Amino acid sequence: MFSDLDRSVRGRLRTLSKDNADGVGRHLVMVGRLLDAQPELAYEHAQAAVRRAGRVDVVREAAGLAAYRTGRYAEALRELRTVRRLNGSSEHLAIMADCERGLGRPERALALAQEPEAETLDAEAKIELAMVVSGARLDLGQADAAVAALSTPAVRAGTGVVSIRVAQARAAALEAAGRTDEAVAELAPYTQDQLDEAAGDVELEDEVVSFDLSEFDADGEYDDVPEAEGANDSDDDESDDDAEHDVDAGAEAHDAADSAVDVDDVSAEAGGVTAADDAENAPDGDGVGGSDGGGSPDGTDARADVVDDADPDAARDQAGPGTDEAEGGR
């Protein structure tokens, strides 16, 4: 099963002992396989991997994406910030912005979308971010601005499922702006099946693999992972359920620490979970950001064991889950 991982991901796991890398790799494979069909089980596998390799960027990436797919927005945001510090990549910017929306903070979603790093995203990732921006504008009651966010030539140039999702987001924005006829016309070219598929409202036909998490506890050597390899940092071990209150207090703490965040950034290339899409890494067509997994350039980075000490942003995320993926990201 370890061989099912992308080569670059296997490279990132070489910082671990052979046995631990094999076990963590199998968990990552299962995250990719289950993320669409059984996101909660995928989340459990991601958490098992984090317990054993919490300082490896692709492991934290898998944890962030699984948390996002299960609606644990504060936790997902925290994990993806950690990934950003570990490898210097902003490829998950759309998902991070969508997490801010899920936490009821559309202004912060817009602020993320305006960061200089947004210009470094590829074409599809920029479209995903535009859909999040449109949704955030709707959250703020700015329907016309929501329509405008999805009216640029770059956004309209999307193809495939992404183009259908853009049409759905535009239709929602047009409807909110009172332009009902235009909203209907926006969706007219597509069949109901296409619209359902783009919205993720179809049953997956792929066979779901049943996997026993306890298998990884049967081997005493694997279960006893050295602290240097598998320990997660204490601030990141906090569960989202233990931090579902006082958003404003957390936001103030974040604002006070903002200037120090970038000091901890570490530039390196990131890996991604193979069975998840090589996107956002960029968000894909399953939710906006809707990324189901990640992929990144090949390479091994000895710096992947950088300790994520005292995340200054963690305090601001003391809030519960937000809305599901819809108009421009949810």
Protein backbone atom coordinates (compact mmCIF):
# COMPACT_ATOMS: atom_id res chain seq x y z
CA MET A 1 0.00 0.00 0.00
CA PHE A 2 2.91 2.36 0.72
CA SER A 3 3.82 2.14 -2.96
CA ASP A 4 0.43 3.72 -3.79
CA LEU A 5 1.73 7.03 -2.51
CA ASP A 6 3.06 9.65 -4.87
CA ARG A 7 6.82 9.48 -5.16
CA SER A 8 7.25 12.97 -3.73
CA VAL A 9 5.19 12.02 -0.66
CA ARG A 10 7.30 8.94 -0.08
CA GLY A 11 10.30 11.23 -0.22
CA ARG A 12 8.87 13.46 2.50
CA LEU A 13 8.39 10.45 4.75
CA ARG A 14 12.05 9.47 4.53
CA THR A 15 12.69 11.68 7.53
CA LEU A 16 10.95 8.94 9.58
CA SER A 17 12.15 5.47 10.50
CA LYS A 18 11.34 2.83 7.89
CA ASP A 19 8.61 1.14 9.94
CA ASN A 20 7.01 4.40 10.94
CA ALA A 21 7.14 5.76 7.40
CA ASP A 22 5.39 2.62 6.14
CA GLY A 23 2.59 2.91 8.70
CA VAL A 24 2.12 6.64 8.21
CA GLY A 25 2.13 6.14 4.45
CA ARG A 26 -0.67 3.58 4.68
CA HIS A 27 -2.74 6.03 6.69
CA LEU A 28 -2.20 8.70 4.04
CA VAL A 29 -3.28 6.31 1.30
CA MET A 30 -6.49 5.65 3.19
CA VAL A 31 -7.12 9.37 3.63
CA GLY A 32 -7.01 9.74 -0.13
CA ARG A 33 -9.24 6.73 -0.76
CA LEU A 34 -11.88 7.66 1.78
CA LEU A 35 -12.01 11.44 1.64
CA ASP A 36 -14.94 11.57 -0.79
CA ALA A 37 -16.91 8.52 0.32
CA GLN A 38 -16.27 8.43 4.07
CA PRO A 39 -14.71 11.71 5.18
CA GLU A 40 -15.05 10.96 8.90
CA LEU A 41 -13.07 7.74 8.55
CA ALA A 42 -10.54 9.61 6.40
CA TYR A 43 -10.25 12.12 9.23
CA GLU A 44 -9.50 9.31 11.71
CA HIS A 45 -6.72 8.02 9.48
CA ALA A 46 -5.30 11.52 9.16
CA GLN A 47 -5.30 11.92 12.93
CA ALA A 48 -3.52 8.58 13.32
CA ALA A 49 -0.85 9.78 10.89
CA VAL A 50 -0.45 13.09 12.75
CA ARG A 51 0.11 11.27 16.04
CA ARG A 52 3.05 9.46 14.45
CA ALA A 53 4.51 12.11 12.16
CA GLY A 54 3.15 15.48 13.23
CA ARG A 55 6.12 17.43 11.90
CA VAL A 56 5.88 16.24 8.29
CA ASP A 57 4.13 18.73 6.03
CA VAL A 58 2.21 16.21 3.90
CA VAL A 59 0.81 14.62 7.05
CA ARG A 60 -0.45 17.93 8.37
CA GLU A 61 -1.79 18.70 4.91
CA ALA A 62 -3.85 15.49 4.93
CA ALA A 63 -5.12 16.36 8.41
CA GLY A 64 -6.15 19.84 7.28
CA LEU A 65 -7.97 18.63 4.19
CA ALA A 66 -9.80 15.90 6.11
CA ALA A 67 -10.80 18.38 8.81
CA TYR A 68 -12.10 20.74 6.13
CA ARG A 69 -14.17 18.03 4.47
CA THR A 70 -15.76 17.12 7.80
CA GLY A 71 -16.64 20.72 8.67
CA ARG A 72 -13.97 21.19 11.33
CA TYR A 73 -13.08 24.61 9.97
CA ALA A 74 -11.03 25.96 12.89
CA GLU A 75 -8.95 22.82 12.97
CA ALA A 76 -8.52 22.78 9.20
CA LEU A 77 -7.39 26.40 9.23
CA ARG A 78 -4.87 25.70 11.96
CA GLU A 79 -3.44 22.68 10.15
CA LEU A 80 -3.18 24.44 6.80
CA ARG A 81 -1.43 27.39 8.42
CA THR A 82 1.05 24.91 9.82
CA VAL A 83 1.60 23.45 6.36
CA ARG A 84 2.18 26.94 5.03
CA ARG A 85 4.86 27.57 7.64
CA LEU A 86 6.52 24.21 7.04
CA ASN A 87 6.84 24.46 3.28
CA GLY A 88 6.19 28.09 2.38
CA SER A 89 3.39 27.22 -0.05
CA SER A 90 0.13 29.16 -0.34
CA GLU A 91 -1.57 26.62 -2.57
CA HIS A 92 -4.32 26.03 0.00
CA LEU A 93 -5.27 29.69 0.17
CA ALA A 94 -8.79 29.14 -1.22
CA ILE A 95 -9.55 26.45 1.36
CA MET A 96 -8.18 28.62 4.14
CA ALA A 97 -10.39 31.49 3.00
CA ASP A 98 -13.38 29.17 2.83
CA CYS A 99 -12.65 28.03 6.39
CA GLU A 100 -12.86 31.67 7.45
CA ARG A 101 -16.29 31.81 5.84
CA GLY A 102 -17.26 28.62 7.66
CA LEU A 103 -16.25 30.27 10.92
CA GLY A 104 -18.50 33.26 10.18
CA ARG A 105 -15.65 35.61 9.26
CA PRO A 106 -16.21 36.61 5.61
CA GLU A 107 -14.07 39.76 6.02
CA ARG A 108 -11.08 37.60 6.80
CA ALA A 109 -11.82 35.40 3.81
CA LEU A 110 -11.63 38.51 1.65
CA ALA A 111 -8.40 39.59 3.34
CA LEU A 112 -6.78 36.23 2.55
CA ALA A 113 -7.91 36.49 -1.06
CA GLN A 114 -6.15 39.85 -1.34
CA GLU A 115 -2.78 38.59 -0.11
CA PRO A 116 0.06 38.86 -2.65
CA GLU A 117 0.40 35.07 -2.63
CA ALA A 118 -2.99 34.83 -4.34
CA GLU A 119 -1.31 36.00 -7.54
CA THR A 120 0.99 32.98 -7.46
CA LEU A 121 -1.85 30.46 -7.71
CA ASP A 122 -2.50 28.57 -10.92
CA ALA A 123 -5.53 29.34 -13.08
CA GLU A 124 -7.88 26.80 -11.53
CA ALA A 125 -6.90 27.73 -7.98
CA LYS A 126 -7.61 31.38 -8.77
CA ILE A 127 -11.09 30.39 -9.97
CA GLU A 128 -11.69 28.49 -6.74
CA LEU A 129 -10.59 31.53 -4.76
CA ALA A 130 -12.91 33.75 -6.81
CA MET A 131 -15.83 31.50 -5.89
CA VAL A 132 -14.92 31.83 -2.22
CA VAL A 133 -14.75 35.61 -2.62
CA SER A 134 -18.18 35.61 -4.25
CA GLY A 135 -19.59 33.58 -1.37
CA ALA A 136 -18.00 35.92 1.17
CA ARG A 137 -19.57 38.91 -0.59
CA LEU A 138 -22.95 37.18 -0.35
CA ASP A 139 -22.33 36.55 3.35
CA LEU A 140 -21.88 40.31 3.71
CA GLY A 141 -25.04 41.07 1.73
CA GLN A 142 -23.07 42.44 -1.24
CA ALA A 143 -24.85 40.63 -4.06
CA ASP A 144 -23.62 42.83 -6.90
CA ALA A 145 -20.01 42.44 -5.74
CA ALA A 146 -20.59 38.69 -5.56
CA VAL A 147 -21.65 38.66 -9.21
CA ALA A 148 -18.70 40.83 -10.20
CA ALA A 149 -16.23 38.44 -8.53
CA LEU A 150 -17.32 35.73 -10.97
CA SER A 151 -17.56 37.89 -14.07
CA THR A 152 -13.90 38.28 -15.00
CA PRO A 153 -12.61 36.67 -18.21
CA ALA A 154 -10.23 34.46 -16.22
CA VAL A 155 -13.07 33.01 -14.15
CA ARG A 156 -15.36 32.56 -17.14
CA ALA A 157 -12.56 30.72 -18.97
CA GLY A 158 -12.86 27.72 -16.65
CA THR A 159 -13.70 24.36 -18.22
CA GLY A 160 -15.21 21.07 -17.19
CA VAL A 161 -16.75 20.64 -13.76
CA VAL A 162 -15.16 23.88 -12.57
CA SER A 163 -17.10 25.85 -15.19
CA ILE A 164 -20.36 24.29 -13.98
CA ARG A 165 -19.55 25.18 -10.41
CA VAL A 166 -18.83 28.75 -11.47
CA ALA A 167 -22.22 28.84 -13.19
CA GLN A 168 -23.90 27.59 -10.01
CA ALA A 169 -22.13 30.21 -7.92
CA ARG A 170 -23.02 32.95 -10.40
CA ALA A 171 -26.63 31.84 -10.45
CA ALA A 172 -26.79 32.09 -6.65
CA ALA A 173 -25.25 35.56 -6.76
CA LEU A 174 -27.58 36.70 -9.56
CA GLU A 175 -30.57 35.38 -7.66
CA ALA A 176 -29.48 37.30 -4.57
CA ALA A 177 -29.14 40.43 -6.71
CA GLY A 178 -32.73 40.03 -7.92
CA ARG A 179 -31.69 39.05 -11.45
CA THR A 180 -33.74 35.86 -11.54
CA ASP A 181 -33.96 35.51 -15.32
CA GLU A 182 -30.20 35.74 -15.66
CA ALA A 183 -29.77 33.18 -12.91
CA VAL A 184 -32.00 30.71 -14.76
CA ALA A 185 -30.16 31.35 -18.02
CA GLU A 186 -26.83 30.72 -16.30
CA LEU A 187 -27.79 27.12 -15.51
CA ALA A 188 -29.82 26.43 -18.65
CA PRO A 189 -26.95 24.85 -20.66
CA TYR A 190 -26.46 22.05 -18.12
CA THR A 191 -28.45 18.92 -17.35
CA GLN A 192 -29.60 18.14 -13.84
CA ASP A 193 -27.12 15.27 -13.67
CA GLN A 194 -24.27 17.65 -14.51
CA LEU A 195 -25.43 20.12 -11.89
CA ASP A 196 -25.73 17.36 -9.28
CA GLU A 197 -22.27 16.06 -10.07
CA ALA A 198 -20.73 19.52 -9.83
CA ALA A 199 -22.47 20.09 -6.50
CA GLY A 200 -21.29 16.73 -5.18
CA ASP A 201 -24.83 15.43 -4.85
CA VAL A 202 -24.25 12.07 -6.49
CA GLU A 203 -23.56 8.71 -4.95
CA LEU A 204 -20.04 7.50 -5.46
CA GLU A 205 -20.00 4.18 -7.29
CA ASP A 206 -16.43 3.27 -6.43
CA GLU A 207 -16.06 0.38 -4.03
CA VAL A 208 -15.42 1.64 -0.52
CA VAL A 209 -12.43 -0.02 1.09
CA SER A 210 -12.99 -1.17 4.65
CA PHE A 211 -9.91 -0.64 6.77
CA ASP A 212 -9.27 -1.46 10.39
CA LEU A 213 -7.43 1.33 12.17
CA SER A 214 -6.48 -1.03 14.99
CA GLU A 215 -4.09 -2.81 12.63
CA PHE A 216 -1.61 -0.05 13.25
CA ASP A 217 -1.63 -0.66 16.98
CA ALA A 218 -0.86 -4.37 16.73
CA ASP A 219 2.86 -3.87 16.17
CA GLY A 220 4.47 -2.75 19.39
CA GLU A 221 7.44 -1.14 17.65
CA TYR A 222 5.23 0.93 15.39
CA ASP A 223 2.92 1.94 18.21
CA ASP A 224 5.87 3.23 20.22
CA VAL A 225 6.96 6.00 17.89
CA PRO A 226 9.97 8.06 19.05
CA GLU A 227 9.08 11.54 20.24
CA ALA A 228 11.34 13.16 17.65
CA GLU A 229 9.46 11.55 14.78
CA GLY A 230 5.84 11.38 15.66
CA ALA A 231 5.07 13.84 18.41
CA ASN A 232 2.61 16.55 17.57
CA ASP A 233 2.90 19.94 19.18
CA SER A 234 0.67 20.55 22.14
CA ASP A 235 -1.14 23.53 20.66
CA ASP A 236 -2.04 21.47 17.60
CA ASP A 237 -3.40 18.57 19.65
CA GLU A 238 -6.35 20.64 20.78
CA SER A 239 -9.51 19.36 19.18
CA ASP A 240 -11.88 21.61 17.29
CA ASP A 241 -14.65 20.53 19.65
CA ASP A 242 -12.70 21.94 22.61
CA ALA A 243 -12.39 25.32 20.91
CA GLU A 244 -15.87 26.14 19.70
CA HIS A 245 -16.41 29.47 21.40
CA ASP A 246 -15.31 33.09 21.71
CA VAL A 247 -14.37 33.84 18.11
CA ASP A 248 -13.88 37.52 18.77
CA ALA A 249 -11.44 36.95 21.63
CA GLY A 250 -9.44 34.60 19.45
CA ALA A 251 -9.50 37.13 16.62
CA GLU A 252 -8.03 39.82 18.85
CA ALA A 253 -5.25 37.48 19.92
CA HIS A 254 -4.51 36.74 16.28
CA ASP A 255 -4.39 40.42 15.34
CA ALA A 256 -1.92 41.07 18.15
CA ALA A 257 0.36 38.29 16.88
CA ASP A 258 0.00 38.83 13.13
CA SER A 259 3.30 40.60 12.71
CA ALA A 260 5.19 37.64 14.15
CA VAL A 261 3.64 34.89 12.05
CA ASP A 262 5.90 35.10 9.05
CA VAL A 263 9.02 34.75 11.20
CA ASP A 264 8.25 31.05 11.52
CA ASP A 265 7.74 30.45 7.82
CA VAL A 266 9.97 27.80 6.33
CA SER A 267 10.49 27.69 2.57
CA ALA A 268 10.48 24.21 1.09
CA GLU A 269 8.70 22.20 -1.52
CA ALA A 270 5.56 20.39 -0.42
CA GLY A 271 4.33 16.91 -1.13
CA GLY A 272 0.73 15.80 -1.39
CA VAL A 273 -1.50 12.83 -0.74
CA THR A 274 -1.61 10.81 -3.92
CA ALA A 275 -5.11 9.46 -3.82
CA ALA A 276 -6.39 12.98 -3.37
CA ASP A 277 -6.38 15.29 -6.36
CA ASP A 278 -3.23 17.21 -7.28
CA ALA A 279 -4.92 20.44 -6.48
CA GLU A 280 -4.42 23.13 -3.94
CA ASN A 281 -2.52 21.74 -3.28
CA ALA A 282 -5.36 23.55 -5.29
CA PRO A 283 -9.02 22.99 -4.36
CA ASP A 284 -10.79 20.73 -6.78
CA GLY A 285 -14.32 20.33 -7.98
CA ASP A 286 -15.68 18.91 -4.78
CA GLY A 287 -16.02 21.98 -2.76
CA VAL A 288 -14.47 25.32 -2.48
CA GLY A 289 -12.08 25.39 -1.88
CA GLY A 290 -13.13 21.68 -1.99
CA SER A 291 -9.69 20.29 -2.26
CA ASP A 292 -9.57 16.59 -1.59
CA GLY A 293 -5.91 16.13 -1.35
CA GLY A 294 -2.64 17.56 -2.39
CA GLY A 295 0.28 17.17 -4.65
CA SER A 296 3.47 19.03 -5.11
CA PRO A 297 6.92 18.83 -6.64
CA ASP A 298 9.13 15.83 -5.95
CA GLY A 299 11.76 16.07 -3.33
CA THR A 300 12.84 15.29 0.18
CA ASP A 301 13.10 18.04 2.73
CA ALA A 302 14.98 17.47 5.92
CA ARG A 303 13.31 20.60 7.23
CA ALA A 304 9.92 18.88 7.32
CA ASP A 305 10.54 18.15 10.99
CA VAL A 306 10.42 21.81 11.91
CA VAL A 307 8.53 22.21 15.15
CA ASP A 308 5.33 24.19 14.87
CA ASP A 309 5.89 25.97 18.16
CA ALA A 310 3.11 28.02 19.60
CA ASP A 311 1.06 28.82 16.54
CA PRO A 312 0.23 32.50 17.06
CA ASP A 313 -2.86 32.15 14.90
CA ALA A 314 -4.35 29.23 16.82
CA ALA A 315 -5.99 31.39 19.47
CA ARG A 316 -8.15 33.19 16.98
CA ASP A 317 -9.79 30.03 15.74
CA GLN A 318 -11.69 29.24 18.89
CA ALA A 319 -14.94 28.88 17.00
CA GLY A 320 -17.25 26.12 15.84
CA PRO A 321 -18.02 24.81 12.39
CA GLY A 322 -19.71 26.99 9.82
CA THR A 323 -21.85 26.34 6.83
CA ASP A 324 -21.36 23.60 4.28
CA GLU A 325 -19.88 24.18 0.85
CA ALA A 326 -22.20 26.29 -1.26
CA GLU A 327 -22.24 29.36 -3.43
CA GLY A 328 -18.66 29.92 -4.25
CA GLY A 329 -17.17 27.38 -2.01
CA ARG A 330 -19.82 25.67 -0.02
